[in-house]
N, C-alpha and C. Protein backbone atom coordinates (compact mmCIF):
# COMPACT_ATOMS: atom_id res chain seq x y z
N MET A 1 -34.02 3.27 -8.77
CA MET A 1 -33.47 3.32 -7.78
C MET A 1 -32.39 4.77 -6.84
N ALA A 2 -32.32 5.96 -6.18
CA ALA A 2 -31.38 6.39 -6.18
C ALA A 2 -30.56 6.50 -6.38
N THR A 3 -29.62 7.18 -7.01
CA THR A 3 -27.87 6.88 -6.82
C THR A 3 -27.49 7.51 -5.62
N LEU A 4 -26.42 6.57 -4.59
CA LEU A 4 -25.70 6.66 -3.27
C LEU A 4 -25.00 7.94 -3.65
N ALA A 5 -25.34 8.94 -2.80
CA ALA A 5 -24.58 10.04 -2.45
C ALA A 5 -22.84 9.82 -2.62
N LEU A 6 -21.84 10.01 -2.76
CA LEU A 6 -20.88 10.11 -2.51
C LEU A 6 -19.71 10.06 -1.14
N THR A 7 -20.56 11.19 -0.81
CA THR A 7 -19.90 11.18 1.52
C THR A 7 -20.76 9.76 2.03
N ARG A 8 -21.95 9.56 1.36
CA ARG A 8 -22.79 8.38 2.42
C ARG A 8 -21.56 7.35 1.92
N ILE A 9 -21.36 6.91 1.23
CA ILE A 9 -20.32 5.57 0.77
C ILE A 9 -19.44 6.09 1.07
N GLU A 10 -18.75 6.73 0.62
CA GLU A 10 -16.75 7.17 1.42
C GLU A 10 -16.98 6.81 3.80
N ASP A 11 -18.59 7.54 3.91
CA ASP A 11 -19.23 7.09 5.36
C ASP A 11 -18.76 5.87 6.15
N ALA A 12 -19.81 5.14 4.94
CA ALA A 12 -20.03 3.85 4.83
C ALA A 12 -19.18 3.21 5.16
N LEU A 13 -17.87 3.17 3.88
CA LEU A 13 -16.81 2.08 3.46
C LEU A 13 -15.72 2.58 4.47
N ALA A 14 -16.03 4.14 4.95
CA ALA A 14 -14.73 4.36 6.66
C ALA A 14 -15.12 3.23 7.83
N HIS A 15 -16.07 2.06 7.91
CA HIS A 15 -15.99 1.18 9.01
C HIS A 15 -15.71 -0.22 8.43
N VAL A 16 -15.04 -0.07 7.29
CA VAL A 16 -14.85 -1.71 7.13
C VAL A 16 -13.32 -1.42 7.34
N PRO A 17 -12.78 -1.87 8.63
CA PRO A 17 -11.04 -1.41 8.92
C PRO A 17 -9.89 -2.08 7.26
N SER A 18 -8.65 -1.98 7.79
CA SER A 18 -7.90 -1.92 5.97
C SER A 18 -6.76 -1.83 6.72
N ALA A 19 -5.89 -2.90 5.88
CA ALA A 19 -4.19 -2.84 6.33
C ALA A 19 -4.13 -1.44 5.59
N VAL A 20 -2.93 -0.88 5.93
CA VAL A 20 -2.30 0.12 5.32
C VAL A 20 -0.70 -0.43 5.25
N ALA A 21 -0.54 0.27 3.29
CA ALA A 21 0.80 -0.65 3.18
C ALA A 21 1.79 1.15 2.33
N ALA A 22 2.71 0.64 2.34
CA ALA A 22 3.70 1.27 1.43
C ALA A 22 4.01 0.79 0.42
N VAL A 23 3.87 1.19 -0.79
CA VAL A 23 3.52 0.11 -2.35
C VAL A 23 5.17 1.77 -2.91
N ALA A 24 6.11 0.86 -3.14
CA ALA A 24 7.58 1.65 -3.36
C ALA A 24 8.17 1.38 -4.08
N ALA A 25 8.86 2.09 -5.64
CA ALA A 25 9.82 1.28 -6.11
C ALA A 25 10.88 2.86 -6.13
N LEU A 26 12.10 2.33 -6.87
CA LEU A 26 13.32 3.77 -7.27
C LEU A 26 12.83 3.47 -8.92
N VAL A 27 12.62 4.94 -8.25
CA VAL A 27 12.50 5.48 -10.35
C VAL A 27 13.11 6.51 -10.55
N ASP A 28 13.85 5.89 -11.39
CA ASP A 28 15.00 6.86 -12.27
C ASP A 28 16.46 7.02 -10.89
N GLY A 29 15.95 5.98 -9.72
CA GLY A 29 17.39 5.71 -8.78
C GLY A 29 17.04 6.07 -8.03
N VAL A 30 15.37 7.30 -7.75
CA VAL A 30 15.11 7.81 -6.40
C VAL A 30 13.09 7.41 -6.25
N PRO A 31 13.78 6.38 -4.51
CA PRO A 31 12.66 6.38 -4.68
C PRO A 31 11.07 6.92 -4.69
N GLU A 32 9.71 6.10 -4.98
CA GLU A 32 8.49 6.95 -5.45
C GLU A 32 7.90 5.86 -4.28
N GLY A 33 7.17 6.39 -3.91
CA GLY A 33 5.81 5.30 -3.18
C GLY A 33 4.47 6.35 -2.51
N LEU A 34 3.77 5.62 -2.05
CA LEU A 34 1.62 5.68 -2.21
C LEU A 34 1.63 5.17 -0.88
N VAL A 35 0.54 5.46 -0.27
CA VAL A 35 0.15 4.85 0.73
C VAL A 35 -1.32 3.88 0.42
N ALA A 36 -1.16 3.23 0.46
CA ALA A 36 -3.04 2.05 -0.50
C ALA A 36 -2.96 1.83 0.85
N THR A 37 -4.46 1.71 1.10
CA THR A 37 -5.19 1.93 2.34
C THR A 37 -6.68 0.52 1.84
N SER A 38 -6.19 -0.07 0.77
CA SER A 38 -7.20 -0.59 0.22
C SER A 38 -6.39 -1.92 0.23
N LEU A 39 -4.96 -1.97 0.01
CA LEU A 39 -4.31 -3.81 0.72
C LEU A 39 -5.43 -4.98 0.21
N SER A 40 -5.49 -5.78 -0.57
CA SER A 40 -6.21 -7.00 -0.37
C SER A 40 -5.29 -7.88 -0.85
N VAL A 41 -4.76 -9.04 0.49
CA VAL A 41 -3.56 -10.00 -0.05
C VAL A 41 -4.51 -11.40 -0.12
N GLY A 42 -4.20 -12.65 -1.00
CA GLY A 42 -5.02 -13.57 -1.15
C GLY A 42 -6.42 -13.28 -2.31
N ALA A 43 -5.64 -12.26 -3.65
CA ALA A 43 -6.52 -12.50 -4.46
C ALA A 43 -6.41 -13.76 -5.22
N SER A 44 -5.12 -14.34 -5.11
CA SER A 44 -5.06 -15.29 -6.05
C SER A 44 -3.69 -16.05 -4.84
N PHE A 45 -3.78 -17.59 -5.28
CA PHE A 45 -2.75 -18.71 -4.67
C PHE A 45 -1.62 -18.54 -5.13
N ASP A 46 -1.75 -19.16 -6.61
CA ASP A 46 -1.52 -19.93 -7.73
C ASP A 46 -1.79 -19.43 -9.81
N PRO A 47 -0.88 -18.21 -9.27
CA PRO A 47 0.29 -17.27 -8.49
C PRO A 47 -0.12 -16.27 -7.57
N PRO A 48 0.64 -16.62 -6.97
CA PRO A 48 0.49 -15.81 -5.63
C PRO A 48 0.44 -13.97 -6.41
N LEU A 49 -0.79 -13.55 -6.09
CA LEU A 49 -1.64 -12.25 -6.27
C LEU A 49 -2.04 -11.20 -5.38
N VAL A 50 -1.52 -10.00 -4.92
CA VAL A 50 -2.25 -9.19 -4.01
C VAL A 50 -2.85 -8.91 -4.65
N MET A 51 -3.32 -7.35 -4.29
CA MET A 51 -4.15 -6.63 -5.24
C MET A 51 -4.33 -5.14 -3.74
N PHE A 52 -4.51 -3.81 -4.78
CA PHE A 52 -4.94 -2.54 -4.32
C PHE A 52 -5.50 -2.18 -5.43
N ALA A 53 -5.78 -0.50 -4.49
CA ALA A 53 -6.94 0.35 -5.48
C ALA A 53 -6.46 1.78 -5.39
N VAL A 54 -5.92 2.69 -6.18
CA VAL A 54 -5.52 3.71 -6.45
C VAL A 54 -5.70 4.84 -7.22
N ARG A 55 -6.23 5.72 -7.40
CA ARG A 55 -7.25 6.61 -7.09
C ARG A 55 -6.38 7.16 -9.02
N GLU A 56 -7.05 7.41 -9.57
CA GLU A 56 -6.92 7.56 -11.57
C GLU A 56 -6.21 8.50 -11.44
N ALA A 57 -6.65 9.46 -10.63
CA ALA A 57 -5.89 11.10 -10.61
C ALA A 57 -4.80 10.74 -10.15
N SER A 58 -4.12 9.88 -9.08
CA SER A 58 -2.38 9.84 -8.90
C SER A 58 -1.62 9.74 -9.88
N THR A 59 -0.57 10.95 -9.17
CA THR A 59 0.53 10.96 -10.21
C THR A 59 1.70 10.17 -9.83
N THR A 60 1.59 9.30 -8.84
CA THR A 60 2.53 7.99 -8.30
C THR A 60 2.96 7.29 -8.62
N TRP A 61 1.33 7.12 -9.83
CA TRP A 61 1.21 5.59 -9.80
C TRP A 61 1.99 4.84 -10.76
N PRO A 62 1.63 6.18 -12.29
CA PRO A 62 1.96 6.33 -13.27
C PRO A 62 3.80 6.28 -13.57
N LEU A 63 4.34 6.27 -12.45
CA LEU A 63 6.01 5.94 -12.22
C LEU A 63 6.16 5.23 -11.57
N LEU A 64 5.37 4.60 -10.36
CA LEU A 64 5.71 3.67 -9.91
C LEU A 64 5.36 2.30 -10.32
N ARG A 65 4.08 1.94 -11.84
CA ARG A 65 4.28 0.40 -12.33
C ARG A 65 5.54 0.39 -13.43
N THR A 66 6.18 1.87 -14.05
CA THR A 66 7.28 1.59 -14.87
C THR A 66 8.57 0.72 -14.36
N SER A 67 8.17 0.15 -13.34
CA SER A 67 9.46 -0.30 -12.39
C SER A 67 9.33 -1.56 -12.47
N PRO A 68 10.57 -2.42 -12.84
CA PRO A 68 10.33 -4.13 -12.89
C PRO A 68 9.62 -4.72 -11.63
N ARG A 69 9.83 -4.20 -10.62
CA ARG A 69 9.41 -4.83 -9.15
C ARG A 69 9.20 -3.53 -8.77
N ILE A 70 8.49 -3.88 -7.30
CA ILE A 70 7.41 -2.94 -6.33
C ILE A 70 7.59 -3.42 -5.43
N GLY A 71 7.86 -2.49 -4.04
CA GLY A 71 7.90 -3.39 -2.83
C GLY A 71 6.55 -2.67 -2.30
N VAL A 72 5.75 -3.90 -1.14
CA VAL A 72 4.82 -3.35 -1.06
C VAL A 72 5.12 -3.75 0.80
N SER A 73 4.93 -3.14 1.72
CA SER A 73 5.16 -3.35 2.95
C SER A 73 4.07 -2.70 4.27
N MET A 74 3.54 -3.91 4.81
CA MET A 74 2.11 -3.32 5.23
C MET A 74 3.03 -2.80 6.44
N LEU A 75 2.08 -1.79 6.99
CA LEU A 75 3.13 -1.13 7.64
C LEU A 75 2.73 -1.45 9.72
N ALA A 76 3.57 -1.35 10.02
CA ALA A 76 3.10 -1.33 11.86
C ALA A 76 2.68 -0.14 12.49
N ALA A 77 1.59 -0.58 13.38
CA ALA A 77 1.34 0.37 14.58
C ALA A 77 2.31 1.31 14.65
N GLU A 78 3.56 0.94 15.31
CA GLU A 78 4.21 1.81 14.92
C GLU A 78 4.68 3.10 14.14
N GLN A 79 4.70 2.68 12.54
CA GLN A 79 4.70 3.35 11.66
C GLN A 79 3.82 4.18 11.56
N ALA A 80 3.33 4.92 11.79
CA ALA A 80 1.62 5.53 11.75
C ALA A 80 1.71 7.35 11.42
N ALA A 81 2.96 7.75 11.97
CA ALA A 81 3.29 8.50 12.02
C ALA A 81 4.13 8.51 10.24
N ALA A 82 4.44 7.85 10.03
CA ALA A 82 5.12 8.00 8.73
C ALA A 82 4.44 8.26 7.64
N THR A 83 2.94 7.21 7.85
CA THR A 83 1.68 7.04 6.54
C THR A 83 1.76 9.12 5.97
N HIS A 84 1.52 10.05 6.46
CA HIS A 84 1.06 10.95 6.94
C HIS A 84 2.69 11.50 5.02
N ARG A 85 3.81 11.46 6.27
CA ARG A 85 4.91 11.88 4.88
C ARG A 85 5.06 10.81 3.60
N LEU A 86 4.90 9.71 3.74
CA LEU A 86 5.11 8.92 2.72
C LEU A 86 3.48 9.01 1.48
N ALA A 87 2.19 10.30 2.20
CA ALA A 87 1.42 10.73 0.86
C ALA A 87 1.20 12.01 0.80
N SER A 88 2.16 12.32 1.15
CA SER A 88 2.36 13.80 1.17
C SER A 88 2.82 14.14 -0.18
N ARG A 89 2.54 15.17 -0.55
CA ARG A 89 2.59 15.67 -1.67
C ARG A 89 3.95 16.07 -2.63
N THR A 90 4.96 16.46 -1.46
CA THR A 90 5.89 16.17 -1.41
C THR A 90 7.55 15.08 -1.72
N ARG A 91 7.63 15.20 -2.94
CA ARG A 91 8.08 13.72 -3.14
C ARG A 91 9.52 13.52 -2.69
N HIS A 92 10.27 14.69 -2.87
CA HIS A 92 11.67 13.88 -2.32
C HIS A 92 11.88 14.48 -0.92
N SER A 93 11.10 13.85 -0.54
CA SER A 93 11.01 13.76 1.70
C SER A 93 10.08 13.34 1.87
N ARG A 94 9.51 12.81 1.11
CA ARG A 94 8.40 11.26 1.51
C ARG A 94 9.52 9.99 2.04
N PHE A 95 10.78 9.95 2.25
CA PHE A 95 11.48 8.72 2.46
C PHE A 95 12.40 9.58 3.66
N GLU A 96 12.44 10.48 3.95
CA GLU A 96 13.19 10.96 5.11
C GLU A 96 13.36 10.52 5.73
N GLY A 97 14.11 9.79 7.16
CA GLY A 97 14.06 8.97 8.19
C GLY A 97 13.80 8.31 8.04
N LEU A 98 12.90 7.40 6.61
CA LEU A 98 13.02 5.95 7.45
C LEU A 98 13.35 5.35 6.34
N ALA A 99 13.48 4.19 7.42
CA ALA A 99 14.56 3.03 7.30
C ALA A 99 13.45 1.85 5.62
N ARG A 100 15.35 1.67 5.12
CA ARG A 100 13.96 1.73 4.25
C ARG A 100 15.56 0.32 3.41
N GLU A 101 14.56 -0.91 2.28
CA GLU A 101 15.96 -1.59 1.67
C GLU A 101 15.53 -1.45 0.09
N GLU A 102 16.64 -1.46 -0.96
CA GLU A 102 16.31 -1.20 -1.76
C GLU A 102 16.91 -1.95 -2.49
N ARG A 103 15.83 -2.94 -3.89
CA ARG A 103 16.84 -4.23 -4.30
C ARG A 103 16.76 -4.22 -5.23
N GLU A 104 17.02 -5.19 -5.67
CA GLU A 104 17.55 -5.09 -7.26
C GLU A 104 15.99 -5.34 -8.46
N GLY A 105 15.75 -4.88 -9.01
CA GLY A 105 15.25 -4.42 -9.64
C GLY A 105 14.29 -3.16 -9.22
N GLY A 106 14.53 -2.70 -8.55
CA GLY A 106 13.37 -1.32 -7.93
C GLY A 106 12.88 -0.79 -6.37
N ALA A 107 12.69 -2.67 -6.65
CA ALA A 107 11.89 -2.50 -5.24
C ALA A 107 12.23 -1.81 -3.93
N VAL A 108 11.51 -1.04 -3.62
CA VAL A 108 11.73 -0.67 -1.94
C VAL A 108 11.13 -0.99 -0.72
N LEU A 109 11.58 -1.77 -0.15
CA LEU A 109 10.97 -2.06 1.01
C LEU A 109 11.48 -1.83 1.93
N LEU A 110 9.84 -0.98 3.21
CA LEU A 110 10.83 -0.39 4.68
C LEU A 110 10.66 -1.58 5.71
N GLY A 111 11.65 -0.99 6.42
CA GLY A 111 11.77 -1.84 7.66
C GLY A 111 11.15 -1.80 8.50
N GLY A 112 11.24 -2.38 9.12
CA GLY A 112 9.31 -2.61 10.39
C GLY A 112 8.74 -2.57 10.42
N SER A 113 8.45 -2.73 9.03
CA SER A 113 6.52 -3.15 8.59
C SER A 113 6.36 -5.08 9.06
N SER A 114 5.80 -5.54 9.34
CA SER A 114 4.77 -6.47 9.71
C SER A 114 5.01 -7.49 8.77
N LEU A 115 5.29 -6.89 7.06
CA LEU A 115 5.08 -8.45 6.21
C LEU A 115 5.46 -7.68 4.40
N ARG A 116 6.34 -8.10 4.41
CA ARG A 116 7.17 -7.54 2.78
C ARG A 116 7.05 -8.27 1.83
N PHE A 117 6.01 -7.56 0.93
CA PHE A 117 6.08 -8.97 -0.07
C PHE A 117 7.02 -7.26 -2.01
N GLU A 118 7.53 -8.39 -2.40
CA GLU A 118 8.17 -8.00 -3.32
C GLU A 118 7.97 -8.05 -5.02
N CYS A 119 7.49 -7.94 -5.58
CA CYS A 119 6.35 -7.81 -7.01
C CYS A 119 6.90 -6.91 -8.13
N SER A 120 6.13 -7.69 -8.91
CA SER A 120 5.91 -7.33 -10.43
C SER A 120 3.90 -7.32 -10.43
N VAL A 121 3.90 -5.83 -11.62
CA VAL A 121 2.75 -5.47 -11.77
C VAL A 121 2.16 -7.32 -12.82
N HIS A 122 0.92 -7.88 -12.57
CA HIS A 122 0.45 -8.06 -12.96
C HIS A 122 -0.58 -8.58 -13.96
N ALA A 123 -1.11 -7.18 -13.69
CA ALA A 123 -2.61 -6.44 -14.22
C ALA A 123 -3.28 -5.37 -13.86
N GLU A 124 -3.37 -4.37 -14.38
CA GLU A 124 -4.37 -3.47 -13.86
C GLU A 124 -5.76 -3.42 -15.03
N THR A 125 -6.83 -2.56 -14.16
CA THR A 125 -7.53 -2.58 -15.00
C THR A 125 -8.72 -0.83 -14.62
N PRO A 126 -9.56 -0.10 -15.15
CA PRO A 126 -10.00 0.94 -14.71
C PRO A 126 -10.72 0.45 -13.70
N ALA A 127 -11.59 1.49 -12.44
CA ALA A 127 -12.52 0.91 -11.70
C ALA A 127 -13.36 2.37 -11.06
N GLY A 128 -14.74 3.08 -11.83
CA GLY A 128 -14.64 3.91 -12.03
C GLY A 128 -13.53 5.63 -11.45
N ASP A 129 -13.01 5.64 -10.44
CA ASP A 129 -12.32 6.59 -10.09
C ASP A 129 -11.33 5.89 -9.42
N HIS A 130 -11.23 5.14 -10.01
CA HIS A 130 -10.01 4.63 -9.30
C HIS A 130 -9.16 3.38 -10.44
N ARG A 131 -8.59 2.96 -10.34
CA ARG A 131 -7.93 1.36 -11.11
C ARG A 131 -7.77 0.69 -9.76
N VAL A 132 -7.89 -0.72 -10.35
CA VAL A 132 -7.58 -2.14 -9.17
C VAL A 132 -6.13 -2.36 -9.98
N VAL A 133 -5.53 -2.49 -8.96
CA VAL A 133 -3.64 -3.33 -9.39
C VAL A 133 -3.66 -4.45 -8.84
N LEU A 134 -3.25 -5.18 -9.95
CA LEU A 134 -3.10 -7.03 -9.15
C LEU A 134 -1.49 -7.31 -9.49
N LEU A 135 -0.83 -7.44 -8.29
CA LEU A 135 0.79 -7.67 -8.47
C LEU A 135 1.35 -9.03 -8.02
N ARG A 136 1.68 -9.17 -8.91
CA ARG A 136 2.42 -10.54 -8.10
C ARG A 136 3.50 -11.13 -7.17
N VAL A 137 2.81 -11.87 -6.62
CA VAL A 137 4.26 -11.57 -5.58
C VAL A 137 5.31 -12.70 -5.83
N HIS A 138 6.74 -11.88 -5.86
CA HIS A 138 7.84 -13.11 -5.87
C HIS A 138 8.72 -13.40 -4.94
N SER A 139 8.58 -12.58 -3.69
CA SER A 139 9.01 -12.96 -2.57
C SER A 139 8.28 -12.42 -1.07
N LEU A 140 8.74 -13.11 -0.31
CA LEU A 140 7.72 -12.45 1.33
C LEU A 140 8.17 -12.25 2.19
N GLU A 141 8.11 -11.68 3.36
CA GLU A 141 9.00 -12.11 4.29
C GLU A 141 8.16 -11.56 5.21
N VAL A 142 8.22 -12.36 6.83
CA VAL A 142 6.78 -11.89 7.72
C VAL A 142 7.80 -11.35 8.98
N ASP A 143 7.38 -10.84 10.03
CA ASP A 143 7.83 -10.82 11.48
C ASP A 143 6.44 -10.30 12.14
N THR A 144 6.65 -11.73 12.44
CA THR A 144 5.10 -11.79 13.81
C THR A 144 5.17 -11.08 14.77
N ALA A 145 6.50 -10.50 15.34
CA ALA A 145 6.01 -10.01 16.48
C ALA A 145 5.88 -8.23 16.72
N VAL A 146 5.28 -8.36 15.08
CA VAL A 146 5.35 -5.93 14.53
C VAL A 146 3.94 -6.64 14.49
N GLU A 147 2.67 -5.86 15.34
CA GLU A 147 1.68 -5.62 14.64
C GLU A 147 1.47 -4.19 13.92
N PRO A 148 0.35 -4.92 13.06
CA PRO A 148 0.37 -4.10 11.94
C PRO A 148 -0.70 -2.80 11.69
N LEU A 149 -0.42 -1.65 11.15
CA LEU A 149 -1.15 -0.82 11.18
C LEU A 149 -2.61 -0.92 10.45
N VAL A 150 -3.96 -0.86 11.13
CA VAL A 150 -4.96 -0.90 10.46
C VAL A 150 -5.48 0.62 10.41
N TYR A 151 -6.92 0.91 9.15
CA TYR A 151 -7.19 2.30 8.83
C TYR A 151 -8.30 1.87 9.23
N HIS A 152 -8.63 2.63 9.89
CA HIS A 152 -10.74 2.52 10.50
C HIS A 152 -11.08 3.96 10.63
N ARG A 153 -12.27 4.12 10.46
CA ARG A 153 -13.20 5.29 10.41
C ARG A 153 -12.50 6.60 10.86
N SER A 154 -11.94 6.97 9.09
CA SER A 154 -10.72 7.58 8.28
C SER A 154 -9.59 7.64 9.23
N GLY A 155 -9.10 6.85 10.49
CA GLY A 155 -8.33 6.93 10.79
C GLY A 155 -7.53 5.33 11.20
N PHE A 156 -6.05 5.93 12.16
CA PHE A 156 -4.51 4.35 11.95
C PHE A 156 -5.01 4.41 13.81
N ARG A 157 -5.42 2.78 13.53
CA ARG A 157 -5.68 2.37 14.63
C ARG A 157 -4.81 0.95 14.98
N GLU A 158 -4.38 0.16 15.52
CA GLU A 158 -4.00 -0.78 16.55
C GLU A 158 -4.69 -1.64 16.61
N LEU A 159 -3.91 -2.96 16.21
CA LEU A 159 -4.57 -4.03 16.63
C LEU A 159 -4.78 -4.20 17.87
N ARG A 160 -5.68 -5.37 18.51
CA ARG A 160 -5.54 -5.49 20.58
C ARG A 160 -6.25 -6.92 20.23
N ASP A 161 -6.10 -7.96 20.59
CA ASP A 161 -7.10 -9.15 21.01
C ASP A 161 -8.06 -8.81 21.87
N ALA A 162 -9.07 -9.31 21.13
CA ALA A 162 -10.15 -9.16 22.17
C ALA A 162 -11.43 -10.45 23.19
N SER A 163 -11.03 -10.08 24.30
CA SER A 163 -11.46 -10.72 25.48
C SER A 163 -12.63 -10.59 26.29
């Protein structure tokens, strides 16, 4: 069987809608974070686990994984503009202007998010050019009035009722 071209795989997978999450923690007293568009909830219910994939080349994940607690905030549709800042290479300005809560243990949670988890690293494993990270959920908050942001076809989208 011929090897699939990387661009063909990326183009095909862009058709799968996914949640957009900020994964963040305090590292040496400074908030650090990354944007994950591969968040999967319900990896396990007992213990409660969520998972995401991060590039092996990430320079942020090695910092985050040292924190006893990591915040995962599913971003709201109104937070689409913030994703570019959170994903920027300019670390010192990633959280400027964003409402956030810094928890004991280091988790950083973004205000206005539709769903927020306070987690710790449960396990991680290499997966090709990425690393799959399982996070154990210690607490969660849901805001049912907030619509989540979705990543689909290489862009940010809002959910709407199909009728």
